[in-house]
Amino acid sequence: MLPIEKIPKEFLDFLTETGVDINVYYEYSHGNCVTILGDDADAVRDGTGLVPWVPYPTYYYKLANQEKLSQDSNCFSMDAASALAVAILDPQPGEHVLDLCCAPGMKLSLIGRLVGLEGSVTGVDISKSRLSVCRSIVKAKKVGRCRLFCADGTLFDIPPLLVLDRESRGSHSHREKPFYQSTAFNRFPVKLSEEWYDKVLVDAQCTHDGSIKHIQKADEKTWSVLKDQLSLDALEKLYRLQLALLKNGFAKCRVGGYVVYSTCSFSRKQNEDIVELFLKEHEEKAKLVDIECKLFDTPQPFVRVDPRIHGAGFLFVAKIFKKCN
């Protein structure tokens, strides 16, 4: 981490407007975490402890275990807050889930394993290089039915791909060729669904100022990019993008389904303000859901996982239900 006196003024001004003390990056750190599926907890049981507020078994682990964990298809190395976001989305076996900003792909892979072979997960990202990383993770984590698309998340409009009985007749042609599609889709006839997704995750692009590790490890190139992202014009463009991603995610969710919107920015303008503006424009169809989690004694309309309190990276989460007209 750069000394405070060398932090760019643009970043300091942004934090002041957001109400965040720069010392959060110097005084707080959090351990590496892994979420476990199945009975493989021994892979990380090294005395570093269980994260009590994530519904899935999630442990802090030592960096020495990282290579072993990365090779285990049941171990998902991610911040505990990211695992909580998946838990709030609550993907169930057999559901079809859309991850609208999916790279690098650990949350996508966890979702894919949770929905199982009776469901599917579709990931969208605009960056081919990031999708390449995502494809590698999806394969390593043995996700059964997954499609990846290199596309603009604000415009993506391809429904789930359904797998039919062997005796059924089905065929499909994507208007846009998938960047990657699991071979599991090739074993039975398939067709594009006439309905949208059961659940949608919009982990939107943001300024990443709440990602403590990201800021602590920032080099000169990263700080240069951050400065450019924090200009007034760039921030206004980012707010429009976040709202557009949420709108399209909601449009691609079926009636009776759920959308989770999240960012790793402390900024209210990227979080509560975006959600409230969206709800104002969609008040007849959208309902904000109070979220129950062990971080709080009572259900919350907006969840903020805060490194200063919870020992994890920052994450904002809101959950929206799509009502009938």
C-alpha atoms as a PDB file:
ATOM      1  CA  MET A   1       0.000   0.000   0.000  1.00  0.00           C
ATOM      2  CA  LEU A   2       1.331   3.427  -0.921  1.00  0.00           C
ATOM      3  CA  PRO A   3       2.012   5.864   1.945  1.00  0.00           C
ATOM      4  CA  ILE A   4      -0.985   8.132   2.492  1.00  0.00           C
ATOM      5  CA  GLU A   5       0.920  11.157   1.214  1.00  0.00           C
ATOM      6  CA  LYS A   6       1.350   9.417  -2.168  1.00  0.00           C
ATOM      7  CA  ILE A   7      -2.294   8.397  -2.644  1.00  0.00           C
ATOM      8  CA  PRO A   8      -3.775  10.282  -5.641  1.00  0.00           C
ATOM      9  CA  LYS A   9      -5.923  13.262  -4.699  1.00  0.00           C
ATOM     10  CA  GLU A  10      -8.745  11.940  -6.894  1.00  0.00           C
ATOM     11  CA  PHE A  11      -9.021   8.824  -4.737  1.00  0.00           C
ATOM     12  CA  LEU A  12      -8.874  10.776  -1.484  1.00  0.00           C
ATOM     13  CA  ASP A  13     -11.602  13.137  -2.725  1.00  0.00           C
ATOM     14  CA  PHE A  14     -13.751  10.171  -3.747  1.00  0.00           C
ATOM     15  CA  LEU A  15     -13.390   8.601  -0.300  1.00  0.00           C
ATOM     16  CA  THR A  16     -14.247  11.898   1.391  1.00  0.00           C
ATOM     17  CA  GLU A  17     -17.442  12.186  -0.653  1.00  0.00           C
ATOM     18  CA  THR A  18     -18.253   8.554   0.117  1.00  0.00           C
ATOM     19  CA  GLY A  19     -17.610   9.021   3.830  1.00  0.00           C
ATOM     20  CA  VAL A  20     -14.780   6.500   4.081  1.00  0.00           C
ATOM     21  CA  ASP A  21     -11.575   7.044   6.069  1.00  0.00           C
ATOM     22  CA  ILE A  22      -8.437   6.277   4.044  1.00  0.00           C
ATOM     23  CA  ASN A  23      -7.054   4.471   7.100  1.00  0.00           C
ATOM     24  CA  VAL A  24      -9.397   1.551   6.405  1.00  0.00           C
ATOM     25  CA  TYR A  25      -6.791   0.333   3.886  1.00  0.00           C
ATOM     26  CA  TYR A  26      -3.975   0.534   6.415  1.00  0.00           C
ATOM     27  CA  GLU A  27      -5.706  -0.729   9.549  1.00  0.00           C
ATOM     28  CA  TYR A  28      -7.839  -3.594   8.274  1.00  0.00           C
ATOM     29  CA  SER A  29      -7.084  -6.847   6.522  1.00  0.00           C
ATOM     30  CA  HIS A  30      -8.934 -10.130   6.210  1.00  0.00           C
ATOM     31  CA  GLY A  31      -7.950 -13.717   5.637  1.00  0.00           C
ATOM     32  CA  ASN A  32      -8.262 -15.796   2.509  1.00  0.00           C
ATOM     33  CA  CYS A  33     -11.435 -17.878   2.448  1.00  0.00           C
ATOM     34  CA  VAL A  34     -12.647 -21.053   0.815  1.00  0.00           C
ATOM     35  CA  THR A  35     -16.204 -22.332   0.517  1.00  0.00           C
ATOM     36  CA  ILE A  36     -16.595 -26.096   0.604  1.00  0.00           C
ATOM     37  CA  LEU A  37     -19.169 -28.314  -1.104  1.00  0.00           C
ATOM     38  CA  GLY A  38     -19.582 -31.843   0.178  1.00  0.00           C
ATOM     39  CA  ASP A  39     -17.502 -33.320   2.986  1.00  0.00           C
ATOM     40  CA  ASP A  40     -14.066 -31.937   2.151  1.00  0.00           C
ATOM     41  CA  ALA A  41     -13.659 -29.555   5.080  1.00  0.00           C
ATOM     42  CA  ASP A  42     -10.418 -31.315   6.053  1.00  0.00           C
ATOM     43  CA  ALA A  43      -8.815 -29.648   3.030  1.00  0.00           C
ATOM     44  CA  VAL A  44      -8.761 -26.338   4.905  1.00  0.00           C
ATOM     45  CA  ARG A  45      -9.045 -27.333   8.555  1.00  0.00           C
ATOM     46  CA  ASP A  46      -5.784 -25.720   9.649  1.00  0.00           C
ATOM     47  CA  GLY A  47      -6.870 -23.874  12.794  1.00  0.00           C
ATOM     48  CA  THR A  48      -7.772 -20.623  11.054  1.00  0.00           C
ATOM     49  CA  GLY A  49     -11.482 -20.940  11.738  1.00  0.00           C
ATOM     50  CA  LEU A  50     -14.964 -21.109  10.295  1.00  0.00           C
ATOM     51  CA  VAL A  51     -16.767 -18.003   8.999  1.00  0.00           C
ATOM     52  CA  PRO A  52     -20.004 -18.161  11.025  1.00  0.00           C
ATOM     53  CA  TRP A  53     -22.180 -15.879   8.898  1.00  0.00           C
ATOM     54  CA  VAL A  54     -21.962 -17.734   5.554  1.00  0.00           C
ATOM     55  CA  PRO A  55     -24.576 -20.539   5.194  1.00  0.00           C
ATOM     56  CA  TYR A  56     -22.186 -22.728   3.190  1.00  0.00           C
ATOM     57  CA  PRO A  57     -19.179 -24.146   5.094  1.00  0.00           C
ATOM     58  CA  THR A  58     -16.618 -21.370   4.597  1.00  0.00           C
ATOM     59  CA  TYR A  59     -13.187 -21.332   6.218  1.00  0.00           C
ATOM     60  CA  TYR A  60     -10.252 -18.983   6.487  1.00  0.00           C
ATOM     61  CA  TYR A  61      -7.145 -20.695   5.152  1.00  0.00           C
ATOM     62  CA  LYS A  62      -3.401 -20.187   4.994  1.00  0.00           C
ATOM     63  CA  LEU A  63      -1.770 -19.188   1.724  1.00  0.00           C
ATOM     64  CA  ALA A  64       0.341 -22.335   1.898  1.00  0.00           C
ATOM     65  CA  ASN A  65      -2.823 -24.301   1.125  1.00  0.00           C
ATOM     66  CA  GLN A  66      -3.762 -22.260  -1.945  1.00  0.00           C
ATOM     67  CA  GLU A  67      -2.360 -24.639  -4.582  1.00  0.00           C
ATOM     68  CA  LYS A  68      -4.080 -27.638  -2.996  1.00  0.00           C
ATOM     69  CA  LEU A  69      -7.375 -25.768  -2.783  1.00  0.00           C
ATOM     70  CA  SER A  70      -7.212 -24.566  -6.386  1.00  0.00           C
ATOM     71  CA  GLN A  71      -6.955 -28.172  -7.562  1.00  0.00           C
ATOM     72  CA  ASP A  72      -9.929 -29.410  -5.537  1.00  0.00           C
ATOM     73  CA  SER A  73     -13.164 -29.115  -7.539  1.00  0.00           C
ATOM     74  CA  ASN A  74     -15.194 -28.836  -4.319  1.00  0.00           C
ATOM     75  CA  CYS A  75     -13.183 -25.891  -2.939  1.00  0.00           C
ATOM     76  CA  PHE A  76     -14.106 -22.361  -4.056  1.00  0.00           C
ATOM     77  CA  SER A  77     -11.494 -19.782  -3.073  1.00  0.00           C
ATOM     78  CA  MET A  78     -13.269 -16.459  -2.754  1.00  0.00           C
ATOM     79  CA  ASP A  79     -13.909 -13.720  -0.242  1.00  0.00           C
ATOM     80  CA  ALA A  80     -16.460 -14.704   2.391  1.00  0.00           C
ATOM     81  CA  ALA A  81     -18.617 -11.762   1.275  1.00  0.00           C
ATOM     82  CA  SER A  82     -18.773 -13.208  -2.243  1.00  0.00           C
ATOM     83  CA  ALA A  83     -19.945 -16.546  -0.865  1.00  0.00           C
ATOM     84  CA  LEU A  84     -22.620 -14.685   1.098  1.00  0.00           C
ATOM     85  CA  ALA A  85     -23.825 -12.986  -2.109  1.00  0.00           C
ATOM     86  CA  VAL A  86     -24.347 -16.424  -3.673  1.00  0.00           C
ATOM     87  CA  ALA A  87     -26.174 -17.567  -0.535  1.00  0.00           C
ATOM     88  CA  ILE A  88     -28.484 -14.536  -0.727  1.00  0.00           C
ATOM     89  CA  LEU A  89     -29.218 -15.379  -4.379  1.00  0.00           C
ATOM     90  CA  ASP A  90     -29.988 -18.898  -3.062  1.00  0.00           C
ATOM     91  CA  PRO A  91     -29.635 -20.992  -6.251  1.00  0.00           C
ATOM     92  CA  GLN A  92     -31.515 -24.287  -5.945  1.00  0.00           C
ATOM     93  CA  PRO A  93     -31.087 -27.625  -7.750  1.00  0.00           C
ATOM     94  CA  GLY A  94     -32.773 -27.528 -11.132  1.00  0.00           C
ATOM     95  CA  GLU A  95     -32.885 -23.733 -11.470  1.00  0.00           C
ATOM     96  CA  HIS A  96     -31.562 -21.755 -14.422  1.00  0.00           C
ATOM     97  CA  VAL A  97     -29.393 -18.846 -13.288  1.00  0.00           C
ATOM     98  CA  LEU A  98     -27.888 -15.918 -15.191  1.00  0.00           C
ATOM     99  CA  ASP A  99     -24.682 -14.247 -13.968  1.00  0.00           C
ATOM    100  CA  LEU A 100     -24.604 -11.018 -15.925  1.00  0.00           C
ATOM    101  CA  CYS A 101     -21.035  -9.926 -15.002  1.00  0.00           C
ATOM    102  CA  CYS A 102     -19.513 -13.348 -14.424  1.00  0.00           C
ATOM    103  CA  ALA A 103     -15.715 -13.070 -14.680  1.00  0.00           C
ATOM    104  CA  PRO A 104     -13.451 -14.202 -13.145  1.00  0.00           C
ATOM    105  CA  GLY A 105     -15.956 -16.973 -12.422  1.00  0.00           C
ATOM    106  CA  MET A 106     -15.691 -18.331  -8.878  1.00  0.00           C
ATOM    107  CA  LYS A 107     -19.231 -17.243  -7.896  1.00  0.00           C
ATOM    108  CA  LEU A 108     -20.484 -18.516 -11.265  1.00  0.00           C
ATOM    109  CA  SER A 109     -18.873 -21.903 -10.643  1.00  0.00           C
ATOM    110  CA  LEU A 110     -20.330 -22.170  -7.147  1.00  0.00           C
ATOM    111  CA  ILE A 111     -23.779 -21.322  -8.542  1.00  0.00           C
ATOM    112  CA  GLY A 112     -23.332 -23.916 -11.289  1.00  0.00           C
ATOM    113  CA  ARG A 113     -22.489 -26.638  -8.813  1.00  0.00           C
ATOM    114  CA  LEU A 114     -25.446 -25.699  -6.591  1.00  0.00           C
ATOM    115  CA  VAL A 115     -28.032 -25.884  -9.410  1.00  0.00           C
ATOM    116  CA  GLY A 116     -26.600 -29.226 -10.510  1.00  0.00           C
ATOM    117  CA  LEU A 117     -27.179 -31.180 -13.708  1.00  0.00           C
ATOM    118  CA  GLU A 118     -30.916 -30.555 -13.621  1.00  0.00           C
ATOM    119  CA  GLY A 119     -30.315 -26.804 -13.879  1.00  0.00           C
ATOM    120  CA  SER A 120     -27.874 -24.545 -15.680  1.00  0.00           C
ATOM    121  CA  VAL A 121     -25.813 -21.412 -15.270  1.00  0.00           C
ATOM    122  CA  THR A 122     -25.210 -18.812 -17.982  1.00  0.00           C
ATOM    123  CA  GLY A 123     -22.356 -16.340 -17.583  1.00  0.00           C
ATOM    124  CA  VAL A 124     -21.903 -13.089 -19.488  1.00  0.00           C
ATOM    125  CA  ASP A 125     -18.862 -10.822 -19.593  1.00  0.00           C
ATOM    126  CA  ILE A 126     -17.674  -8.261 -22.100  1.00  0.00           C
ATOM    127  CA  SER A 127     -13.967  -9.197 -21.804  1.00  0.00           C
ATOM    128  CA  LYS A 128     -12.620 -12.202 -23.715  1.00  0.00           C
ATOM    129  CA  SER A 129      -9.484 -12.369 -21.587  1.00  0.00           C
ATOM    130  CA  ARG A 130     -11.514 -12.467 -18.365  1.00  0.00           C
ATOM    131  CA  LEU A 131     -13.859 -15.055 -19.880  1.00  0.00           C
ATOM    132  CA  SER A 132     -10.835 -17.233 -20.668  1.00  0.00           C
ATOM    133  CA  VAL A 133     -10.011 -17.243 -16.960  1.00  0.00           C
ATOM    134  CA  CYS A 134     -13.667 -17.938 -16.200  1.00  0.00           C
ATOM    135  CA  ARG A 135     -13.723 -20.903 -18.595  1.00  0.00           C
ATOM    136  CA  SER A 136     -10.675 -22.400 -16.882  1.00  0.00           C
ATOM    137  CA  ILE A 137     -12.289 -22.061 -13.450  1.00  0.00           C
ATOM    138  CA  VAL A 138     -15.602 -23.526 -14.645  1.00  0.00           C
ATOM    139  CA  LYS A 139     -13.790 -26.571 -15.996  1.00  0.00           C
ATOM    140  CA  ALA A 140     -11.614 -26.974 -12.900  1.00  0.00           C
ATOM    141  CA  LYS A 141     -14.680 -26.823 -10.648  1.00  0.00           C
ATOM    142  CA  LYS A 142     -16.508 -29.387 -12.806  1.00  0.00           C
ATOM    143  CA  VAL A 143     -19.611 -27.297 -13.435  1.00  0.00           C
ATOM    144  CA  GLY A 144     -22.104 -29.536 -15.215  1.00  0.00           C
ATOM    145  CA  ARG A 145     -24.185 -27.300 -17.476  1.00  0.00           C
ATOM    146  CA  CYS A 146     -22.688 -23.912 -18.176  1.00  0.00           C
ATOM    147  CA  ARG A 147     -22.619 -21.459 -21.052  1.00  0.00           C
ATOM    148  CA  LEU A 148     -20.384 -18.396 -21.318  1.00  0.00           C
ATOM    149  CA  PHE A 149     -21.070 -15.488 -23.660  1.00  0.00           C
ATOM    150  CA  CYS A 150     -18.764 -12.636 -24.541  1.00  0.00           C
ATOM    151  CA  ALA A 151     -21.397  -9.919 -24.716  1.00  0.00           C
ATOM    152  CA  ASP A 152     -22.589  -6.588 -23.379  1.00  0.00           C
ATOM    153  CA  GLY A 153     -24.511  -7.361 -20.189  1.00  0.00           C
ATOM    154  CA  THR A 154     -26.846  -4.428 -20.788  1.00  0.00           C
ATOM    155  CA  LEU A 155     -28.052  -6.003 -24.060  1.00  0.00           C
ATOM    156  CA  PHE A 156     -27.784  -9.765 -23.526  1.00  0.00           C
ATOM    157  CA  ASP A 157     -31.073 -11.487 -24.418  1.00  0.00           C
ATOM    158  CA  ILE A 158     -30.565 -15.252 -24.828  1.00  0.00           C
ATOM    159  CA  PRO A 159     -32.864 -17.440 -22.681  1.00  0.00           C
ATOM    160  CA  PRO A 160     -31.807 -20.588 -20.782  1.00  0.00           C
ATOM    161  CA  LEU A 161     -30.922 -23.729 -22.688  1.00  0.00           C
ATOM    162  CA  LEU A 162     -33.119 -26.630 -21.612  1.00  0.00           C
ATOM    163  CA  VAL A 163     -32.066 -30.287 -21.751  1.00  0.00           C
ATOM    164  CA  LEU A 164     -34.862 -32.631 -22.882  1.00  0.00           C
ATOM    165  CA  ASP A 165     -35.503 -36.338 -22.474  1.00  0.00           C
ATOM    166  CA  ARG A 166     -33.496 -38.538 -24.791  1.00  0.00           C
ATOM    167  CA  GLU A 167     -36.647 -39.473 -26.705  1.00  0.00           C
ATOM    168  CA  SER A 168     -37.641 -35.839 -27.278  1.00  0.00           C
ATOM    169  CA  ARG A 169     -36.854 -33.834 -30.342  1.00  0.00           C
ATOM    170  CA  GLY A 170     -35.094 -30.570 -29.881  1.00  0.00           C
ATOM    171  CA  SER A 171     -32.633 -28.263 -31.555  1.00  0.00           C
ATOM    172  CA  HIS A 172     -31.341 -24.794 -30.993  1.00  0.00           C
ATOM    173  CA  SER A 173     -29.300 -22.144 -32.679  1.00  0.00           C
ATOM    174  CA  HIS A 174     -27.873 -19.240 -30.755  1.00  0.00           C
ATOM    175  CA  ARG A 175     -28.072 -15.863 -32.394  1.00  0.00           C
ATOM    176  CA  GLU A 176     -24.678 -15.392 -30.788  1.00  0.00           C
ATOM    177  CA  LYS A 177     -22.228 -18.289 -30.545  1.00  0.00           C
ATOM    178  CA  PRO A 178     -21.282 -19.113 -26.956  1.00  0.00           C
ATOM    179  CA  PHE A 179     -17.718 -18.406 -25.913  1.00  0.00           C
ATOM    180  CA  TYR A 180     -17.932 -21.752 -24.102  1.00  0.00           C
ATOM    181  CA  GLN A 181     -20.597 -24.419 -23.632  1.00  0.00           C
ATOM    182  CA  SER A 182     -20.335 -27.498 -21.410  1.00  0.00           C
ATOM    183  CA  THR A 183     -20.206 -30.827 -23.211  1.00  0.00           C
ATOM    184  CA  ALA A 184     -23.022 -31.968 -20.872  1.00  0.00           C
ATOM    185  CA  PHE A 185     -25.404 -30.083 -23.171  1.00  0.00           C
ATOM    186  CA  ASN A 186     -24.450 -32.445 -26.005  1.00  0.00           C
ATOM    187  CA  ARG A 187     -25.670 -35.686 -24.411  1.00  0.00           C
ATOM    188  CA  PHE A 188     -29.400 -35.047 -24.835  1.00  0.00           C
ATOM    189  CA  PRO A 189     -31.650 -33.008 -27.147  1.00  0.00           C
ATOM    190  CA  VAL A 190     -31.819 -29.340 -26.135  1.00  0.00           C
ATOM    191  CA  LYS A 191     -33.916 -26.293 -26.869  1.00  0.00           C
ATOM    192  CA  LEU A 192     -33.998 -22.658 -25.844  1.00  0.00           C
ATOM    193  CA  SER A 193     -36.523 -22.012 -23.100  1.00  0.00           C
ATOM    194  CA  GLU A 194     -39.604 -19.916 -23.683  1.00  0.00           C
ATOM    195  CA  GLU A 195     -39.139 -18.419 -20.203  1.00  0.00           C
ATOM    196  CA  TRP A 196     -36.367 -16.309 -18.717  1.00  0.00           C
ATOM    197  CA  TYR A 197     -34.073 -17.201 -15.823  1.00  0.00           C
ATOM    198  CA  ASP A 198     -35.216 -18.258 -12.351  1.00  0.00           C
ATOM    199  CA  LYS A 199     -32.563 -16.072 -10.740  1.00  0.00           C
ATOM    200  CA  VAL A 200     -30.125 -13.419 -11.923  1.00  0.00           C
ATOM    201  CA  LEU A 201     -26.924 -12.161 -10.314  1.00  0.00           C
ATOM    202  CA  VAL A 202     -25.837  -8.632 -11.288  1.00  0.00           C
ATOM    203  CA  ASP A 203     -22.441  -8.258  -9.629  1.00  0.00           C
ATOM    204  CA  ALA A 204     -21.982  -4.939 -11.368  1.00  0.00           C
ATOM    205  CA  GLN A 205     -18.831  -3.245 -12.521  1.00  0.00           C
ATOM    206  CA  CYS A 206     -17.840  -0.641  -9.923  1.00  0.00           C
ATOM    207  CA  THR A 207     -14.908   1.400  -8.606  1.00  0.00           C
ATOM    208  CA  HIS A 208     -13.756  -1.541  -6.413  1.00  0.00           C
ATOM    209  CA  ASP A 209     -12.822   0.797  -3.572  1.00  0.00           C
ATOM    210  CA  GLY A 210     -14.317  -1.660  -1.083  1.00  0.00           C
ATOM    211  CA  SER A 211     -11.978  -4.429  -2.212  1.00  0.00           C
ATOM    212  CA  ILE A 212      -9.397  -3.911   0.523  1.00  0.00           C
ATOM    213  CA  LYS A 213      -6.887  -6.391  -0.909  1.00  0.00           C
ATOM    214  CA  HIS A 214      -7.229  -4.865  -4.382  1.00  0.00           C
ATOM    215  CA  ILE A 215      -6.373  -1.400  -3.110  1.00  0.00           C
ATOM    216  CA  GLN A 216      -3.631  -2.616  -0.775  1.00  0.00           C
ATOM    217  CA  LYS A 217      -1.878  -4.378  -3.670  1.00  0.00           C
ATOM    218  CA  ALA A 218      -2.392  -1.562  -6.201  1.00  0.00           C
ATOM    219  CA  ASP A 219       0.674  -0.654  -8.254  1.00  0.00           C
ATOM    220  CA  GLU A 220       1.305   2.514 -10.243  1.00  0.00           C
ATOM    221  CA  LYS A 221      -0.625   1.201 -13.250  1.00  0.00           C
ATOM    222  CA  THR A 222      -3.641   0.354 -11.076  1.00  0.00           C
ATOM    223  CA  TRP A 223      -3.605   3.804  -9.456  1.00  0.00           C
ATOM    224  CA  SER A 224      -3.463   5.410 -12.899  1.00  0.00           C
ATOM    225  CA  VAL A 225      -6.568   3.460 -13.975  1.00  0.00           C
ATOM    226  CA  LEU A 226      -8.335   4.337 -10.711  1.00  0.00           C
ATOM    227  CA  LYS A 227      -7.671   8.037 -11.241  1.00  0.00           C
ATOM    228  CA  ASP A 228      -9.245   7.878 -14.690  1.00  0.00           C
ATOM    229  CA  GLN A 229     -12.275   5.998 -13.336  1.00  0.00           C
ATOM    230  CA  LEU A 230     -12.920   8.630 -10.687  1.00  0.00           C
ATOM    231  CA  SER A 231     -13.409  11.642 -12.938  1.00  0.00           C
ATOM    232  CA  LEU A 232     -16.918  13.108 -12.837  1.00  0.00           C
ATOM    233  CA  ASP A 233     -17.623  12.029 -16.415  1.00  0.00           C
ATOM    234  CA  ALA A 234     -16.368   8.488 -15.795  1.00  0.00           C
ATOM    235  CA  LEU A 235     -18.432   8.129 -12.628  1.00  0.00           C
ATOM    236  CA  GLU A 236     -21.613   9.344 -14.317  1.00  0.00           C
ATOM    237  CA  LYS A 237     -21.006   6.848 -17.116  1.00  0.00           C
ATOM    238  CA  LEU A 238     -20.468   4.111 -14.518  1.00  0.00           C
ATOM    239  CA  TYR A 239     -23.757   4.930 -12.729  1.00  0.00           C
ATOM    240  CA  ARG A 240     -25.623   4.670 -16.037  1.00  0.00           C
ATOM    241  CA  LEU A 241     -23.939   1.326 -16.743  1.00  0.00           C
ATOM    242  CA  GLN A 242     -24.847  -0.073 -13.323  1.00  0.00           C
ATOM    243  CA  LEU A 243     -28.477   0.933 -13.714  1.00  0.00           C
ATOM    244  CA  ALA A 244     -28.598  -0.497 -17.247  1.00  0.00           C
ATOM    245  CA  LEU A 245     -27.135  -3.818 -16.038  1.00  0.00           C
ATOM    246  CA  LEU A 246     -29.727  -4.024 -13.266  1.00  0.00           C
ATOM    247  CA  LYS A 247     -32.545  -3.199 -15.692  1.00  0.00           C
ATOM    248  CA  ASN A 248     -31.487  -5.882 -18.154  1.00  0.00           C
ATOM    249  CA  GLY A 249     -30.927  -8.414 -15.393  1.00  0.00           C
ATOM    250  CA  PHE A 250     -34.462  -7.775 -14.171  1.00  0.00           C
ATOM    251  CA  ALA A 251     -35.842  -8.014 -17.719  1.00  0.00           C
ATOM    252  CA  LYS A 252     -34.187 -11.424 -18.128  1.00  0.00           C
ATOM    253  CA  CYS A 253     -35.642 -12.749 -14.867  1.00  0.00           C
ATOM    254  CA  ARG A 254     -38.925 -14.646 -15.053  1.00  0.00           C
ATOM    255  CA  VAL A 255     -41.995 -13.522 -13.129  1.00  0.00           C
ATOM    256  CA  GLY A 256     -41.691 -14.964  -9.616  1.00  0.00           C
ATOM    257  CA  GLY A 257     -37.892 -14.968  -9.809  1.00  0.00           C
ATOM    258  CA  TYR A 258     -35.224 -12.985  -7.997  1.00  0.00           C
ATOM    259  CA  VAL A 259     -32.432 -10.592  -8.934  1.00  0.00           C
ATOM    260  CA  VAL A 260     -29.442  -9.908  -6.675  1.00  0.00           C
ATOM    261  CA  TYR A 261     -27.551  -6.671  -7.274  1.00  0.00           C
ATOM    262  CA  SER A 262     -24.116  -6.289  -5.690  1.00  0.00           C
ATOM    263  CA  THR A 263     -20.942  -4.203  -5.849  1.00  0.00           C
ATOM    264  CA  CYS A 264     -17.684  -3.979  -3.911  1.00  0.00           C
ATOM    265  CA  SER A 265     -17.825  -0.180  -3.632  1.00  0.00           C
ATOM    266  CA  PHE A 266     -18.504   1.728  -0.410  1.00  0.00           C
ATOM    267  CA  SER A 267     -20.293   4.395  -2.463  1.00  0.00           C
ATOM    268  CA  ARG A 268     -24.005   4.868  -1.813  1.00  0.00           C
ATOM    269  CA  LYS A 269     -24.368   6.272  -5.344  1.00  0.00           C
ATOM    270  CA  GLN A 270     -23.320   2.889  -6.770  1.00  0.00           C
ATOM    271  CA  ASN A 271     -25.475   0.924  -4.356  1.00  0.00           C
ATOM    272  CA  GLU A 272     -28.616   2.173  -2.583  1.00  0.00           C
ATOM    273  CA  ASP A 273     -29.118   5.034  -5.035  1.00  0.00           C
ATOM    274  CA  ILE A 274     -28.980   2.702  -8.067  1.00  0.00           C
ATOM    275  CA  VAL A 275     -31.421   0.255  -6.505  1.00  0.00           C
ATOM    276  CA  GLU A 276     -33.814   2.976  -5.353  1.00  0.00           C
ATOM    277  CA  LEU A 277     -33.813   4.613  -8.782  1.00  0.00           C
ATOM    278  CA  PHE A 278     -34.513   1.238 -10.379  1.00  0.00           C
ATOM    279  CA  LEU A 279     -37.357   0.514  -7.951  1.00  0.00           C
ATOM    280  CA  LYS A 280     -38.898   3.915  -8.608  1.00  0.00           C
ATOM    281  CA  GLU A 281     -38.962   3.160 -12.341  1.00  0.00           C
ATOM    282  CA  HIS A 282     -40.304  -0.397 -11.844  1.00  0.00           C
ATOM    283  CA  GLU A 283     -42.560  -0.033  -8.807  1.00  0.00           C
ATOM    284  CA  GLU A 284     -45.377  -2.072 -10.365  1.00  0.00           C
ATOM    285  CA  LYS A 285     -43.204  -5.106 -11.072  1.00  0.00           C
ATOM    286  CA  ALA A 286     -40.293  -5.009  -8.607  1.00  0.00           C
ATOM    287  CA  LYS A 287     -40.257  -5.520  -4.848  1.00  0.00           C
ATOM    288  CA  LEU A 288     -37.217  -5.111  -2.602  1.00  0.00           C
ATOM    289  CA  VAL A 289     -36.777  -8.195  -0.397  1.00  0.00           C
ATOM    290  CA  ASP A 290     -35.641  -7.963   3.225  1.00  0.00           C
ATOM    291  CA  ILE A 291     -32.559 -10.168   3.532  1.00  0.00           C
ATOM    292  CA  GLU A 292     -32.043 -12.473   6.480  1.00  0.00           C
ATOM    293  CA  CYS A 293     -28.436 -13.281   7.336  1.00  0.00           C
ATOM    294  CA  LYS A 294     -26.410 -13.930  10.463  1.00  0.00           C
ATOM    295  CA  LEU A 295     -24.591 -10.603  10.170  1.00  0.00           C
ATOM    296  CA  PHE A 296     -27.647  -8.813  11.550  1.00  0.00           C
ATOM    297  CA  ASP A 297     -30.271  -9.467  14.213  1.00  0.00           C
ATOM    298  CA  THR A 298     -33.140  -8.437  11.948  1.00  0.00           C
ATOM    299  CA  PRO A 299     -33.761  -8.700   8.178  1.00  0.00           C
ATOM    300  CA  GLN A 300     -32.201  -5.855   6.179  1.00  0.00           C
ATOM    301  CA  PRO A 301     -33.301  -4.306   2.861  1.00  0.00           C
ATOM    302  CA  PHE A 302     -29.646  -3.603   2.045  1.00  0.00           C
ATOM    303  CA  VAL A 303     -26.761  -5.736   3.304  1.00  0.00           C
ATOM    304  CA  ARG A 304     -23.314  -4.202   3.688  1.00  0.00           C
ATOM    305  CA  VAL A 305     -20.479  -6.580   4.552  1.00  0.00           C
ATOM    306  CA  ASP A 306     -17.922  -4.221   6.084  1.00  0.00           C
ATOM    307  CA  PRO A 307     -14.209  -5.065   6.595  1.00  0.00           C
ATOM    308  CA  ARG A 308     -14.166  -2.819   9.677  1.00  0.00           C
ATOM    309  CA  ILE A 309     -16.786  -5.026  11.340  1.00  0.00           C
ATOM    310  CA  HIS A 310     -17.026  -8.417   9.654  1.00  0.00           C
ATOM    311  CA  GLY A 311     -13.461  -9.393   8.740  1.00  0.00           C
ATOM    312  CA  ALA A 312     -14.146  -9.679   5.021  1.00  0.00           C
ATOM    313  CA  GLY A 313     -13.958  -7.538   1.920  1.00  0.00           C
ATOM    314  CA  PHE A 314     -16.689  -4.960   1.473  1.00  0.00           C
ATOM    315  CA  LEU A 315     -19.800  -6.020  -0.426  1.00  0.00           C
ATOM    316  CA  PHE A 316     -23.179  -4.365  -0.936  1.00  0.00           C
ATOM    317  CA  VAL A 317     -26.128  -6.672  -1.686  1.00  0.00           C
ATOM    318  CA  ALA A 318     -29.780  -6.033  -2.515  1.00  0.00           C
ATOM    319  CA  LYS A 319     -32.388  -8.636  -3.545  1.00  0.00           C
ATOM    320  CA  ILE A 320     -35.367  -7.868  -5.772  1.00  0.00           C
ATOM    321  CA  PHE A 321     -38.455 -10.007  -6.430  1.00  0.00           C
ATOM    322  CA  LYS A 322     -40.186  -9.867  -9.806  1.00  0.00           C
ATOM    323  CA  LYS A 323     -43.938  -9.611  -9.228  1.00  0.00           C
ATOM    324  CA  CYS A 324     -46.826 -10.452 -11.520  1.00  0.00           C
ATOM    325  CA  ASN A 325     -48.353  -7.436 -13.269  1.00  0.00           C
END
